[in-house]
C-alpha atoms as a PDB file:
ATOM      1  CA  MET A   1      18.767  21.332  11.385  1.00  0.00           C
ATOM      2  CA  LYS A   2      18.539  18.185   9.201  1.00  0.00           C
ATOM      3  CA  LEU A   3      15.312  16.822   9.415  1.00  0.00           C
ATOM      4  CA  LYS A   4      14.088  13.094   9.036  1.00  0.00           C
ATOM      5  CA  ASP A   5      11.354  12.340   6.737  1.00  0.00           C
ATOM      6  CA  PRO A   6       8.103  10.958   8.479  1.00  0.00           C
ATOM      7  CA  LEU A   7       7.173   7.369   7.951  1.00  0.00           C
ATOM      8  CA  VAL A   8       4.231   6.724   5.606  1.00  0.00           C
ATOM      9  CA  LYS A   9       2.939   3.488   5.397  1.00  0.00           C
ATOM     10  CA  LYS A  10      -0.117   1.681   3.567  1.00  0.00           C
ATOM     11  CA  VAL A  11      -1.486  -1.245   5.431  1.00  0.00           C
ATOM     12  CA  ASN A  12      -3.952  -3.497   3.515  1.00  0.00           C
ATOM     13  CA  LEU A  13      -6.184  -5.016   6.082  1.00  0.00           C
ATOM     14  CA  LYS A  14      -8.149  -8.063   5.451  1.00  0.00           C
ATOM     15  CA  ARG A  15     -10.765 -10.025   8.250  1.00  0.00           C
ATOM     16  CA  ILE A  16     -12.320 -13.453   7.778  1.00  0.00           C
ATOM     17  CA  THR A  17     -16.037 -13.504   8.684  1.00  0.00           C
ATOM     18  CA  GLY A  18     -16.977 -15.505  11.394  1.00  0.00           C
ATOM     19  CA  ILE A  19     -19.420 -18.257  10.705  1.00  0.00           C
ATOM     20  CA  ALA A  20     -22.451 -18.857  12.825  1.00  0.00           C
ATOM     21  CA  VAL A  21     -22.094 -22.392  13.275  1.00  0.00           C
ATOM     22  CA  ALA A  22     -25.083 -22.409  16.129  1.00  0.00           C
ATOM     23  CA  LEU A  23     -27.873 -22.044  13.398  1.00  0.00           C
ATOM     24  CA  LEU A  24     -26.536 -24.943  11.185  1.00  0.00           C
ATOM     25  CA  PRO A  25     -27.672 -28.502  11.348  1.00  0.00           C
ATOM     26  CA  ILE A  26     -25.376 -30.874  13.382  1.00  0.00           C
ATOM     27  CA  ALA A  27     -24.499 -32.820  10.292  1.00  0.00           C
ATOM     28  CA  LEU A  28     -22.573 -29.782   8.809  1.00  0.00           C
ATOM     29  CA  LEU A  29     -20.541 -28.633  11.823  1.00  0.00           C
ATOM     30  CA  ALA A  30     -17.622 -30.480  10.692  1.00  0.00           C
ATOM     31  CA  THR A  31     -17.446 -29.142   7.009  1.00  0.00           C
ATOM     32  CA  ASN A  32     -17.965 -25.627   8.483  1.00  0.00           C
ATOM     33  CA  SER A  33     -15.192 -26.090  11.224  1.00  0.00           C
ATOM     34  CA  GLN A  34     -12.905 -26.991   8.567  1.00  0.00           C
ATOM     35  CA  ALA A  35     -13.771 -24.008   6.359  1.00  0.00           C
ATOM     36  CA  ALA A  36     -13.179 -21.673   9.525  1.00  0.00           C
ATOM     37  CA  THR A  37      -9.681 -22.775   9.592  1.00  0.00           C
ATOM     38  CA  PRO A  38      -7.533 -19.662   9.210  1.00  0.00           C
ATOM     39  CA  GLN A  39      -6.760 -18.928   5.568  1.00  0.00           C
ATOM     40  CA  THR A  40      -5.523 -15.319   5.611  1.00  0.00           C
ATOM     41  CA  VAL A  41      -1.777 -14.663   6.230  1.00  0.00           C
ATOM     42  CA  ASN A  42      -0.613 -11.650   7.621  1.00  0.00           C
ATOM     43  CA  VAL A  43       2.787 -10.776   6.391  1.00  0.00           C
ATOM     44  CA  VAL A  44       4.540  -7.585   7.933  1.00  0.00           C
ATOM     45  CA  GLY A  45       8.243  -6.834   6.534  1.00  0.00           C
ATOM     46  CA  TYR A  46      10.734  -4.107   5.837  1.00  0.00           C
ATOM     47  CA  SER A  47      10.201  -1.747   3.007  1.00  0.00           C
ATOM     48  CA  ILE A  48      12.072  -3.192  -0.091  1.00  0.00           C
ATOM     49  CA  VAL A  49      10.632  -6.891   0.336  1.00  0.00           C
ATOM     50  CA  SER A  50       7.071  -5.600  -0.955  1.00  0.00           C
ATOM     51  CA  LYS A  51       7.733  -6.545  -4.752  1.00  0.00           C
ATOM     52  CA  ALA A  52       9.416  -9.698  -3.608  1.00  0.00           C
ATOM     53  CA  TYR A  53       6.129 -10.870  -1.619  1.00  0.00           C
ATOM     54  CA  THR A  54       3.689 -10.089  -4.196  1.00  0.00           C
ATOM     55  CA  ALA A  55       5.893 -12.741  -6.483  1.00  0.00           C
ATOM     56  CA  LEU A  56       6.132 -15.281  -3.475  1.00  0.00           C
ATOM     57  CA  GLU A  57       2.419 -14.938  -2.520  1.00  0.00           C
ATOM     58  CA  THR A  58       1.372 -15.503  -6.200  1.00  0.00           C
ATOM     59  CA  ALA A  59       3.705 -18.326  -6.581  1.00  0.00           C
ATOM     60  CA  PHE A  60       2.437 -19.884  -3.338  1.00  0.00           C
ATOM     61  CA  SER A  61      -1.209 -19.715  -4.474  1.00  0.00           C
ATOM     62  CA  HIS A  62      -0.498 -22.076  -7.339  1.00  0.00           C
ATOM     63  CA  THR A  63       0.980 -24.798  -4.771  1.00  0.00           C
ATOM     64  CA  ALA A  64      -1.661 -27.320  -3.209  1.00  0.00           C
ATOM     65  CA  ALA A  65      -0.938 -25.546   0.387  1.00  0.00           C
ATOM     66  CA  GLY A  66      -1.612 -22.267  -1.281  1.00  0.00           C
ATOM     67  CA  GLN A  67      -5.187 -23.109  -2.250  1.00  0.00           C
ATOM     68  CA  GLY A  68      -7.637 -20.477  -0.891  1.00  0.00           C
ATOM     69  CA  VAL A  69      -5.060 -18.558   1.171  1.00  0.00           C
ATOM     70  CA  THR A  70      -5.229 -14.644   1.048  1.00  0.00           C
ATOM     71  CA  PHE A  71      -2.709 -12.141   2.258  1.00  0.00           C
ATOM     72  CA  THR A  72      -2.516  -8.931   4.015  1.00  0.00           C
ATOM     73  CA  ASN A  73       0.796  -7.049   3.714  1.00  0.00           C
ATOM     74  CA  SER A  74       2.179  -4.322   5.535  1.00  0.00           C
ATOM     75  CA  PHE A  75       5.831  -2.977   4.504  1.00  0.00           C
ATOM     76  CA  GLY A  76       7.984  -0.087   5.730  1.00  0.00           C
ATOM     77  CA  ALA A  77      10.857   0.902   7.664  1.00  0.00           C
ATOM     78  CA  SER A  78      12.121  -2.032   9.606  1.00  0.00           C
ATOM     79  CA  THR A  79      12.344  -1.130  13.173  1.00  0.00           C
ATOM     80  CA  THR A  80       9.095   1.082  12.842  1.00  0.00           C
ATOM     81  CA  GLN A  81       7.568  -2.244  11.488  1.00  0.00           C
ATOM     82  CA  ALA A  82       8.604  -4.326  14.612  1.00  0.00           C
ATOM     83  CA  GLN A  83       7.269  -1.561  16.957  1.00  0.00           C
ATOM     84  CA  ASP A  84       3.961  -1.646  15.270  1.00  0.00           C
ATOM     85  CA  VAL A  85       3.874  -5.245  15.798  1.00  0.00           C
ATOM     86  CA  VAL A  86       4.708  -5.161  19.288  1.00  0.00           C
ATOM     87  CA  ALA A  87       1.904  -2.402  19.622  1.00  0.00           C
ATOM     88  CA  GLY A  88      -0.728  -4.630  18.140  1.00  0.00           C
ATOM     89  CA  GLN A  89      -0.271  -4.795  14.324  1.00  0.00           C
ATOM     90  CA  SER A  90      -1.398  -8.291  13.087  1.00  0.00           C
ATOM     91  CA  ALA A  91       1.289 -10.327  11.965  1.00  0.00           C
ATOM     92  CA  ASP A  92       1.619 -14.178  11.271  1.00  0.00           C
ATOM     93  CA  VAL A  93       5.006 -13.960   9.301  1.00  0.00           C
ATOM     94  CA  VAL A  94       7.622 -11.019   9.836  1.00  0.00           C
ATOM     95  CA  ASN A  95      10.582 -10.136   7.807  1.00  0.00           C
ATOM     96  CA  PHE A  96      12.580  -7.591   9.104  1.00  0.00           C
ATOM     97  CA  SER A  97      15.851  -6.015   7.893  1.00  0.00           C
ATOM     98  CA  LEU A  98      18.178  -7.247  11.015  1.00  0.00           C
ATOM     99  CA  ASN A  99      17.962  -9.408  13.995  1.00  0.00           C
ATOM    100  CA  PRO A 100      17.652  -6.611  16.733  1.00  0.00           C
ATOM    101  CA  ASP A 101      13.908  -5.521  15.218  1.00  0.00           C
ATOM    102  CA  LEU A 102      13.061  -9.205  15.428  1.00  0.00           C
ATOM    103  CA  ALA A 103      14.317  -9.156  19.181  1.00  0.00           C
ATOM    104  CA  LEU A 104      11.796  -6.586  19.687  1.00  0.00           C
ATOM    105  CA  LEU A 105       8.922  -9.304  19.036  1.00  0.00           C
ATOM    106  CA  ILE A 106      11.008 -11.986  21.177  1.00  0.00           C
ATOM    107  CA  ASN A 107      11.106 -10.033  24.135  1.00  0.00           C
ATOM    108  CA  ALA A 108       7.307  -8.978  23.973  1.00  0.00           C
ATOM    109  CA  GLY A 109       6.786 -12.582  23.852  1.00  0.00           C
ATOM    110  CA  LEU A 110       5.362 -12.532  20.012  1.00  0.00           C
ATOM    111  CA  VAL A 111       7.857 -14.635  18.482  1.00  0.00           C
ATOM    112  CA  SER A 112       9.465 -17.933  20.039  1.00  0.00           C
ATOM    113  CA  LYS A 113      13.208 -17.571  21.366  1.00  0.00           C
ATOM    114  CA  LYS A 114      13.858 -20.982  19.313  1.00  0.00           C
ATOM    115  CA  TRP A 115      12.357 -19.163  15.986  1.00  0.00           C
ATOM    116  CA  ALA A 116      15.661 -20.040  14.190  1.00  0.00           C
ATOM    117  CA  SER A 117      15.446 -23.810  14.959  1.00  0.00           C
ATOM    118  CA  VAL A 118      12.105 -24.512  13.380  1.00  0.00           C
ATOM    119  CA  LYS A 119      12.952 -27.524  11.037  1.00  0.00           C
ATOM    120  CA  ALA A 120      12.230 -26.012   7.690  1.00  0.00           C
ATOM    121  CA  VAL A 121      14.672 -23.013   8.524  1.00  0.00           C
ATOM    122  CA  LYS A 122      17.244 -24.577  10.935  1.00  0.00           C
ATOM    123  CA  ALA A 123      19.842 -24.937   7.905  1.00  0.00           C
ATOM    124  CA  GLN A 124      19.354 -21.160   7.115  1.00  0.00           C
ATOM    125  CA  LYS A 125      19.247 -20.362  10.805  1.00  0.00           C
ATOM    126  CA  GLY A 126      16.194 -18.288   9.863  1.00  0.00           C
ATOM    127  CA  ILE A 127      17.672 -16.068   7.602  1.00  0.00           C
ATOM    128  CA  VAL A 128      15.553 -15.952   4.559  1.00  0.00           C
ATOM    129  CA  THR A 129      17.780 -13.568   2.339  1.00  0.00           C
ATOM    130  CA  ASP A 130      21.326 -11.930   2.228  1.00  0.00           C
ATOM    131  CA  SER A 131      22.638  -8.995   0.392  1.00  0.00           C
ATOM    132  CA  VAL A 132      25.185  -6.230   0.697  1.00  0.00           C
ATOM    133  CA  VAL A 133      25.459  -2.674   0.641  1.00  0.00           C
ATOM    134  CA  ALA A 134      25.525  -0.795  -2.640  1.00  0.00           C
ATOM    135  CA  ILE A 135      26.884   2.590  -3.318  1.00  0.00           C
ATOM    136  CA  VAL A 136      24.693   4.147  -6.076  1.00  0.00           C
ATOM    137  CA  VAL A 137      25.662   7.043  -8.084  1.00  0.00           C
ATOM    138  CA  ARG A 138      24.627   8.994 -11.101  1.00  0.00           C
ATOM    139  CA  PRO A 139      25.354   7.549 -14.696  1.00  0.00           C
ATOM    140  CA  GLY A 140      29.002   7.775 -15.786  1.00  0.00           C
ATOM    141  CA  ASN A 141      30.059   8.214 -12.026  1.00  0.00           C
ATOM    142  CA  PRO A 142      30.657  11.975 -12.620  1.00  0.00           C
ATOM    143  CA  LEU A 143      32.322  12.243  -9.024  1.00  0.00           C
ATOM    144  CA  GLY A 144      34.503   9.038  -9.501  1.00  0.00           C
ATOM    145  CA  ILE A 145      33.175   7.327  -6.410  1.00  0.00           C
ATOM    146  CA  HIS A 146      34.933   3.757  -6.600  1.00  0.00           C
ATOM    147  CA  SER A 147      35.279   3.154  -2.890  1.00  0.00           C
ATOM    148  CA  TRP A 148      34.164   3.618   0.479  1.00  0.00           C
ATOM    149  CA  ASN A 149      37.036   6.554   0.957  1.00  0.00           C
ATOM    150  CA  ASP A 150      35.828   8.195  -2.017  1.00  0.00           C
ATOM    151  CA  LEU A 151      32.349   9.235  -0.323  1.00  0.00           C
ATOM    152  CA  LEU A 152      34.620  11.592   1.961  1.00  0.00           C
ATOM    153  CA  ASN A 153      35.597  13.736  -1.385  1.00  0.00           C
ATOM    154  CA  SER A 154      34.642  17.144  -1.673  1.00  0.00           C
ATOM    155  CA  GLY A 155      31.146  17.593  -3.082  1.00  0.00           C
ATOM    156  CA  VAL A 156      29.865  14.346  -2.260  1.00  0.00           C
ATOM    157  CA  LYS A 157      26.308  14.623  -1.019  1.00  0.00           C
ATOM    158  CA  ILE A 158      24.852  11.385   0.180  1.00  0.00           C
ATOM    159  CA  VAL A 159      21.319  10.128   0.768  1.00  0.00           C
ATOM    160  CA  THR A 160      21.004   6.984   3.431  1.00  0.00           C
ATOM    161  CA  PRO A 161      18.158   6.205   5.785  1.00  0.00           C
ATOM    162  CA  ASP A 162      17.436   7.040   9.257  1.00  0.00           C
ATOM    163  CA  PRO A 163      19.282   4.711  11.445  1.00  0.00           C
ATOM    164  CA  ILE A 164      16.319   5.128  14.075  1.00  0.00           C
ATOM    165  CA  SER A 165      13.883   3.603  11.862  1.00  0.00           C
ATOM    166  CA  SER A 166      15.754   1.992   9.017  1.00  0.00           C
ATOM    167  CA  GLY A 167      17.541  -1.454   9.149  1.00  0.00           C
ATOM    168  CA  SER A 168      19.138  -0.363   5.932  1.00  0.00           C
ATOM    169  CA  ALA A 169      20.589   2.719   7.316  1.00  0.00           C
ATOM    170  CA  ARG A 170      22.384   0.695  10.065  1.00  0.00           C
ATOM    171  CA  TRP A 171      23.623  -1.961   7.783  1.00  0.00           C
ATOM    172  CA  ASN A 172      25.055   0.890   5.329  1.00  0.00           C
ATOM    173  CA  LEU A 173      27.078   2.923   8.329  1.00  0.00           C
ATOM    174  CA  LEU A 174      28.235  -0.256   9.771  1.00  0.00           C
ATOM    175  CA  ALA A 175      29.752  -1.355   6.635  1.00  0.00           C
ATOM    176  CA  ALA A 176      31.192   1.870   5.825  1.00  0.00           C
ATOM    177  CA  TYR A 177      32.964   1.812   9.401  1.00  0.00           C
ATOM    178  CA  GLU A 178      33.969  -1.723   8.922  1.00  0.00           C
ATOM    179  CA  SER A 179      35.580  -0.906   5.495  1.00  0.00           C
ATOM    180  CA  GLN A 180      37.889   1.254   7.281  1.00  0.00           C
ATOM    181  CA  ILE A 181      38.944  -1.437   9.899  1.00  0.00           C
ATOM    182  CA  ASP A 182      39.236  -4.053   6.617  1.00  0.00           C
ATOM    183  CA  GLN A 183      41.700  -1.487   5.352  1.00  0.00           C
ATOM    184  CA  GLY A 184      44.049  -1.279   8.209  1.00  0.00           C
ATOM    185  CA  SER A 185      42.826   1.708  10.201  1.00  0.00           C
ATOM    186  CA  ASN A 186      42.389   1.537  14.034  1.00  0.00           C
ATOM    187  CA  ALA A 187      39.057   2.178  15.977  1.00  0.00           C
ATOM    188  CA  THR A 188      39.925   5.965  16.341  1.00  0.00           C
ATOM    189  CA  ALA A 189      40.639   6.628  12.770  1.00  0.00           C
ATOM    190  CA  ALA A 190      37.280   4.387  11.965  1.00  0.00           C
ATOM    191  CA  ASN A 191      35.190   6.605  14.205  1.00  0.00           C
ATOM    192  CA  THR A 192      36.667   9.595  12.555  1.00  0.00           C
ATOM    193  CA  TYR A 193      36.275   8.502   9.194  1.00  0.00           C
ATOM    194  CA  ILE A 194      32.196   7.715   9.933  1.00  0.00           C
ATOM    195  CA  ASN A 195      31.891  11.228  11.476  1.00  0.00           C
ATOM    196  CA  ALA A 196      33.208  12.692   8.359  1.00  0.00           C
ATOM    197  CA  LEU A 197      31.029  10.480   6.110  1.00  0.00           C
ATOM    198  CA  ILE A 198      27.869  11.615   8.170  1.00  0.00           C
ATOM    199  CA  LYS A 199      28.789  15.195   7.743  1.00  0.00           C
ATOM    200  CA  ASN A 200      28.378  14.267   3.723  1.00  0.00           C
ATOM    201  CA  VAL A 201      24.791  13.069   4.209  1.00  0.00           C
ATOM    202  CA  ILE A 202      22.222  15.781   3.219  1.00  0.00           C
ATOM    203  CA  SER A 203      19.089  13.536   3.474  1.00  0.00           C
ATOM    204  CA  GLU A 204      17.982  10.655   5.675  1.00  0.00           C
ATOM    205  CA  PRO A 205      14.167   9.272   4.410  1.00  0.00           C
ATOM    206  CA  SER A 206      12.479   6.861   6.710  1.00  0.00           C
ATOM    207  CA  SER A 207      13.191   3.561   4.909  1.00  0.00           C
ATOM    208  CA  GLY A 208      15.559   2.227   2.259  1.00  0.00           C
ATOM    209  CA  SER A 209      12.734   2.546  -0.279  1.00  0.00           C
ATOM    210  CA  LYS A 210      12.154   5.977   0.478  1.00  0.00           C
ATOM    211  CA  ALA A 211      15.860   6.911   0.366  1.00  0.00           C
ATOM    212  CA  LEU A 212      16.044   5.125  -3.283  1.00  0.00           C
ATOM    213  CA  SER A 213      12.944   7.096  -4.384  1.00  0.00           C
ATOM    214  CA  ALA A 214      14.677  10.511  -3.279  1.00  0.00           C
ATOM    215  CA  PHE A 215      17.917   9.713  -4.938  1.00  0.00           C
ATOM    216  CA  ILE A 216      16.063   8.784  -8.067  1.00  0.00           C
ATOM    217  CA  ALA A 217      13.860  12.016  -7.970  1.00  0.00           C
ATOM    218  CA  GLY A 218      17.220  13.953  -7.997  1.00  0.00           C
ATOM    219  CA  THR A 219      18.338  14.399  -4.252  1.00  0.00           C
ATOM    220  CA  GLY A 220      22.000  14.127  -3.722  1.00  0.00           C
ATOM    221  CA  ASN A 221      24.523  12.268  -5.937  1.00  0.00           C
ATOM    222  CA  ALA A 222      25.589   9.363  -3.841  1.00  0.00           C
ATOM    223  CA  LEU A 223      23.207   6.756  -2.203  1.00  0.00           C
ATOM    224  CA  LEU A 224      23.788   3.880   0.137  1.00  0.00           C
ATOM    225  CA  ALA A 225      21.399   1.204  -0.331  1.00  0.00           C
ATOM    226  CA  TYR A 226      20.693  -2.553  -0.254  1.00  0.00           C
ATOM    227  CA  GLU A 227      22.368  -4.184  -3.217  1.00  0.00           C
ATOM    228  CA  SER A 228      18.962  -5.946  -4.012  1.00  0.00           C
ATOM    229  CA  ASP A 229      17.176  -2.844  -4.192  1.00  0.00           C
ATOM    230  CA  ALA A 230      19.498  -1.202  -6.292  1.00  0.00           C
ATOM    231  CA  LEU A 231      19.568  -3.794  -8.658  1.00  0.00           C
ATOM    232  CA  ASN A 232      16.064  -3.837  -9.039  1.00  0.00           C
ATOM    233  CA  ALA A 233      15.809  -0.130  -9.792  1.00  0.00           C
ATOM    234  CA  PHE A 234      18.510  -0.643 -12.326  1.00  0.00           C
ATOM    235  CA  ALA A 235      16.572  -3.931 -13.922  1.00  0.00           C
ATOM    236  CA  SER A 236      13.344  -1.666 -14.148  1.00  0.00           C
ATOM    237  CA  GLY A 237      15.584   0.924 -16.149  1.00  0.00           C
ATOM    238  CA  GLN A 238      16.191   3.446 -13.700  1.00  0.00           C
ATOM    239  CA  LYS A 239      19.221   5.874 -14.686  1.00  0.00           C
ATOM    240  CA  ILE A 240      21.631   4.737 -11.945  1.00  0.00           C
ATOM    241  CA  GLN A 241      25.178   3.250 -11.737  1.00  0.00           C
ATOM    242  CA  ILE A 242      26.188   0.728  -9.009  1.00  0.00           C
ATOM    243  CA  VAL A 243      29.872   0.637  -7.308  1.00  0.00           C
ATOM    244  CA  GLN A 244      31.230  -2.514  -6.431  1.00  0.00           C
ATOM    245  CA  THR A 245      33.388  -1.690  -3.405  1.00  0.00           C
ATOM    246  CA  PRO A 246      36.199  -3.821  -2.455  1.00  0.00           C
ATOM    247  CA  GLN A 247      34.972  -4.013   1.317  1.00  0.00           C
ATOM    248  CA  ASN A 248      31.743  -5.035   2.092  1.00  0.00           C
ATOM    249  CA  LEU A 249      29.355  -6.349   5.016  1.00  0.00           C
ATOM    250  CA  LEU A 250      27.051  -9.400   4.472  1.00  0.00           C
ATOM    251  CA  ILE A 251      23.500  -8.264   5.048  1.00  0.00           C
ATOM    252  CA  GLU A 252      21.278 -11.053   6.821  1.00  0.00           C
ATOM    253  CA  ASN A 253      17.551 -10.622   7.021  1.00  0.00           C
ATOM    254  CA  PRO A 254      15.616 -12.720   9.263  1.00  0.00           C
ATOM    255  CA  ALA A 255      11.963 -13.982   8.912  1.00  0.00           C
ATOM    256  CA  ALA A 256      10.078 -15.683  11.508  1.00  0.00           C
ATOM    257  CA  LEU A 257       6.728 -16.811  12.563  1.00  0.00           C
ATOM    258  CA  THR A 258       4.820 -15.177  15.155  1.00  0.00           C
ATOM    259  CA  THR A 259       2.857 -16.753  17.936  1.00  0.00           C
ATOM    260  CA  THR A 260      -0.088 -16.449  15.928  1.00  0.00           C
ATOM    261  CA  GLY A 261       1.540 -17.599  12.907  1.00  0.00           C
ATOM    262  CA  SER A 262       2.506 -20.662  14.416  1.00  0.00           C
ATOM    263  CA  SER A 263      -1.158 -21.805  14.981  1.00  0.00           C
ATOM    264  CA  ASN A 264      -2.013 -20.869  11.450  1.00  0.00           C
ATOM    265  CA  PRO A 265      -1.569 -23.725   9.115  1.00  0.00           C
ATOM    266  CA  ALA A 266      -1.655 -21.439   5.980  1.00  0.00           C
ATOM    267  CA  ALA A 267       1.157 -18.985   7.696  1.00  0.00           C
ATOM    268  CA  VAL A 268       3.481 -22.168   8.505  1.00  0.00           C
ATOM    269  CA  ALA A 269       3.160 -23.569   4.927  1.00  0.00           C
ATOM    270  CA  PHE A 270       3.792 -20.184   3.344  1.00  0.00           C
ATOM    271  CA  TYR A 271       7.009 -19.581   6.056  1.00  0.00           C
ATOM    272  CA  ASP A 272       8.263 -22.873   4.795  1.00  0.00           C
ATOM    273  CA  PHE A 273       7.848 -21.783   0.925  1.00  0.00           C
ATOM    274  CA  ILE A 274       9.671 -18.557   1.696  1.00  0.00           C
ATOM    275  CA  PHE A 275      12.861 -20.731   2.880  1.00  0.00           C
ATOM    276  CA  SER A 276      12.219 -23.483  -0.051  1.00  0.00           C
ATOM    277  CA  LYS A 277      14.258 -23.847  -3.044  1.00  0.00           C
ATOM    278  CA  ALA A 278      11.383 -22.629  -5.113  1.00  0.00           C
ATOM    279  CA  GLY A 279      10.976 -19.679  -2.915  1.00  0.00           C
ATOM    280  CA  GLN A 280      14.652 -19.034  -2.782  1.00  0.00           C
ATOM    281  CA  GLN A 281      14.614 -18.857  -6.753  1.00  0.00           C
ATOM    282  CA  ILE A 282      11.847 -16.250  -6.383  1.00  0.00           C
ATOM    283  CA  TRP A 283      14.033 -14.162  -4.106  1.00  0.00           C
ATOM    284  CA  LEU A 284      17.151 -14.387  -6.319  1.00  0.00           C
ATOM    285  CA  GLN A 285      14.953 -13.514  -9.297  1.00  0.00           C
ATOM    286  CA  GLN A 286      14.287 -10.333  -7.251  1.00  0.00           C
ATOM    287  CA  HIS A 287      18.065  -9.603  -6.803  1.00  0.00           C
ATOM    288  CA  PHE A 288      18.566 -10.903  -3.198  1.00  0.00           C
ATOM    289  CA  ARG A 289      21.198 -13.479  -2.353  1.00  0.00           C
ATOM    290  CA  PRO A 290      19.785 -16.992  -1.374  1.00  0.00           C
ATOM    291  CA  THR A 291      20.700 -18.496   1.699  1.00  0.00           C
ATOM    292  CA  ILE A 292      19.777 -22.284   0.697  1.00  0.00           C
ATOM    293  CA  LYS A 293      23.016 -23.836  -0.096  1.00  0.00           C
ATOM    294  CA  SER A 294      21.990 -25.454  -2.945  1.00  0.00           C
ATOM    295  CA  LEU A 295      21.485 -22.023  -4.847  1.00  0.00           C
ATOM    296  CA  GLN A 296      24.427 -20.359  -3.294  1.00  0.00           C
ATOM    297  CA  ALA A 297      26.675 -21.530  -6.013  1.00  0.00           C
ATOM    298  CA  VAL A 298      24.330 -20.112  -8.544  1.00  0.00           C
ATOM    299  CA  SER A 299      24.472 -16.546  -6.832  1.00  0.00           C
ATOM    300  CA  LYS A 300      28.353 -16.513  -7.205  1.00  0.00           C
ATOM    301  CA  THR A 301      27.877 -15.981 -10.891  1.00  0.00           C
ATOM    302  CA  THR A 302      24.911 -13.671 -10.315  1.00  0.00           C
ATOM    303  CA  PHE A 303      26.486 -11.344  -7.643  1.00  0.00           C
ATOM    304  CA  TYR A 304      29.848  -9.873  -7.349  1.00  0.00           C
ATOM    305  CA  THR A 305      32.120 -10.926  -4.584  1.00  0.00           C
ATOM    306  CA  PRO A 306      34.298  -8.161  -2.802  1.00  0.00           C
ATOM    307  CA  ILE A 307      37.647  -8.494  -1.751  1.00  0.00           C
ATOM    308  CA  THR A 308      36.468  -8.713   1.914  1.00  0.00           C
ATOM    309  CA  LEU A 309      33.037  -9.796   2.839  1.00  0.00           C
ATOM    310  CA  ASN A 310      32.597  -9.404   6.757  1.00  0.00           C
ATOM    311  CA  THR A 311      29.555 -10.659   8.623  1.00  0.00           C
ATOM    312  CA  ILE A 312      27.966  -8.696  11.698  1.00  0.00           C
ATOM    313  CA  THR A 313      30.349 -11.256  13.770  1.00  0.00           C
ATOM    314  CA  ALA A 314      33.320  -9.346  12.994  1.00  0.00           C
ATOM    315  CA  LEU A 315      32.222  -6.179  14.597  1.00  0.00           C
ATOM    316  CA  GLY A 316      31.194  -8.336  17.688  1.00  0.00           C
ATOM    317  CA  GLY A 317      27.613  -9.515  17.012  1.00  0.00           C
ATOM    318  CA  TRP A 318      24.393  -7.683  17.412  1.00  0.00           C
ATOM    319  CA  ALA A 319      24.714  -7.756  21.369  1.00  0.00           C
ATOM    320  CA  LYS A 320      27.846  -5.891  21.231  1.00  0.00           C
ATOM    321  CA  VAL A 321      27.154  -3.615  17.896  1.00  0.00           C
ATOM    322  CA  THR A 322      23.719  -2.333  19.158  1.00  0.00           C
ATOM    323  CA  PRO A 323      25.082  -0.472  22.323  1.00  0.00           C
ATOM    324  CA  LYS A 324      28.515   0.483  20.842  1.00  0.00           C
ATOM    325  CA  PHE A 325      26.845   2.162  17.757  1.00  0.00           C
ATOM    326  CA  PHE A 326      23.339   2.990  18.340  1.00  0.00           C
ATOM    327  CA  SER A 327      22.881   3.398  21.920  1.00  0.00           C
ATOM    328  CA  PRO A 328      22.325   7.174  22.964  1.00  0.00           C
ATOM    329  CA  THR A 329      26.147   7.408  23.704  1.00  0.00           C
ATOM    330  CA  GLY A 330      26.827   5.218  20.731  1.00  0.00           C
ATOM    331  CA  ILE A 331      29.487   5.784  17.886  1.00  0.00           C
ATOM    332  CA  ILE A 332      26.946   6.504  15.071  1.00  0.00           C
ATOM    333  CA  THR A 333      24.388   8.180  17.427  1.00  0.00           C
ATOM    334  CA  GLN A 334      26.723  10.556  18.708  1.00  0.00           C
ATOM    335  CA  ALA A 335      27.907  11.324  15.096  1.00  0.00           C
ATOM    336  CA  GLU A 336      24.332  11.673  13.892  1.00  0.00           C
ATOM    337  CA  SER A 337      23.773  14.335  16.455  1.00  0.00           C
ATOM    338  CA  ALA A 338      27.025  16.228  15.886  1.00  0.00           C
ATOM    339  CA  ASN A 339      25.757  16.689  12.453  1.00  0.00           C
ATOM    340  CA  GLY A 340      22.401  17.940  13.029  1.00  0.00           C
ATOM    341  CA  TYR A 341      20.062  15.053  12.825  1.00  0.00           C
ATOM    342  CA  THR A 342      17.343  14.855  15.162  1.00  0.00           C
ATOM    343  CA  SER A 343      14.518  12.374  15.951  1.00  0.00           C
END
């Protein structure tokens, strides 16, 4: 039986100390009322955005709106992070791998149903970054993997995260499935392909970042990962090679203010910042594809363009994708079970 890695997440908690205004002179109440305004922003996100938020928070602290603002950060597997917020994890700004994880918070009343129509993010529809799926191989590409089809070759040992906890895993497997449709296969053939691909999976860590770490440490010989994560690893000197597949799926990562974040001026200002041109330039530096139109032309010279680049709409949208692929009777759930993966 193949086992999944447990999720281990480090959470840095900070608290603002309350002020005992009852003991202060009346003349000082107005001043201390201003001082008591929330200046801590709790950020919760999926695993690979940790480094990007370090850069974003540092840059924001040098703006007028960021003066005196402190941050707490919690990053891990996307679905697990969303579930933790629903269970009580403090969060003002959330950034998940995919919309269904954000929907968990919307259904719990923790994020407004109109989250994507906030003025500052309306043009980007609440999608703070884009990416695509990367196939990562060993230097020199010894197995000659150049396409999605090559992942079925004899000897290929794939690392990809756990689709129960990881948004990255769901993007990876959906991109693989859709690659077959894009090449002219019918649904039956695409189902057969995804079963064969999962048969070649030897490790399913709990998150995208853990999957990359496992691969770098020597597990497997092909990794399915976020393009942004793979490019960051390559830029940092890791000995990997990235395959640019002819077919790919556009990864769209949502970010939203929670109900507590909406009433926190510092959180609102920071949320606006990560969608702004200045913030999007930082995302671009971290190898994410920007969603602000003025920077998309720049990104075309930075990132490769697949022959076919579909969006989740091509598969019917998340409302159809989730039950079709990830419900207990879903295509990918059944393929996982057939190949020995258990939750």
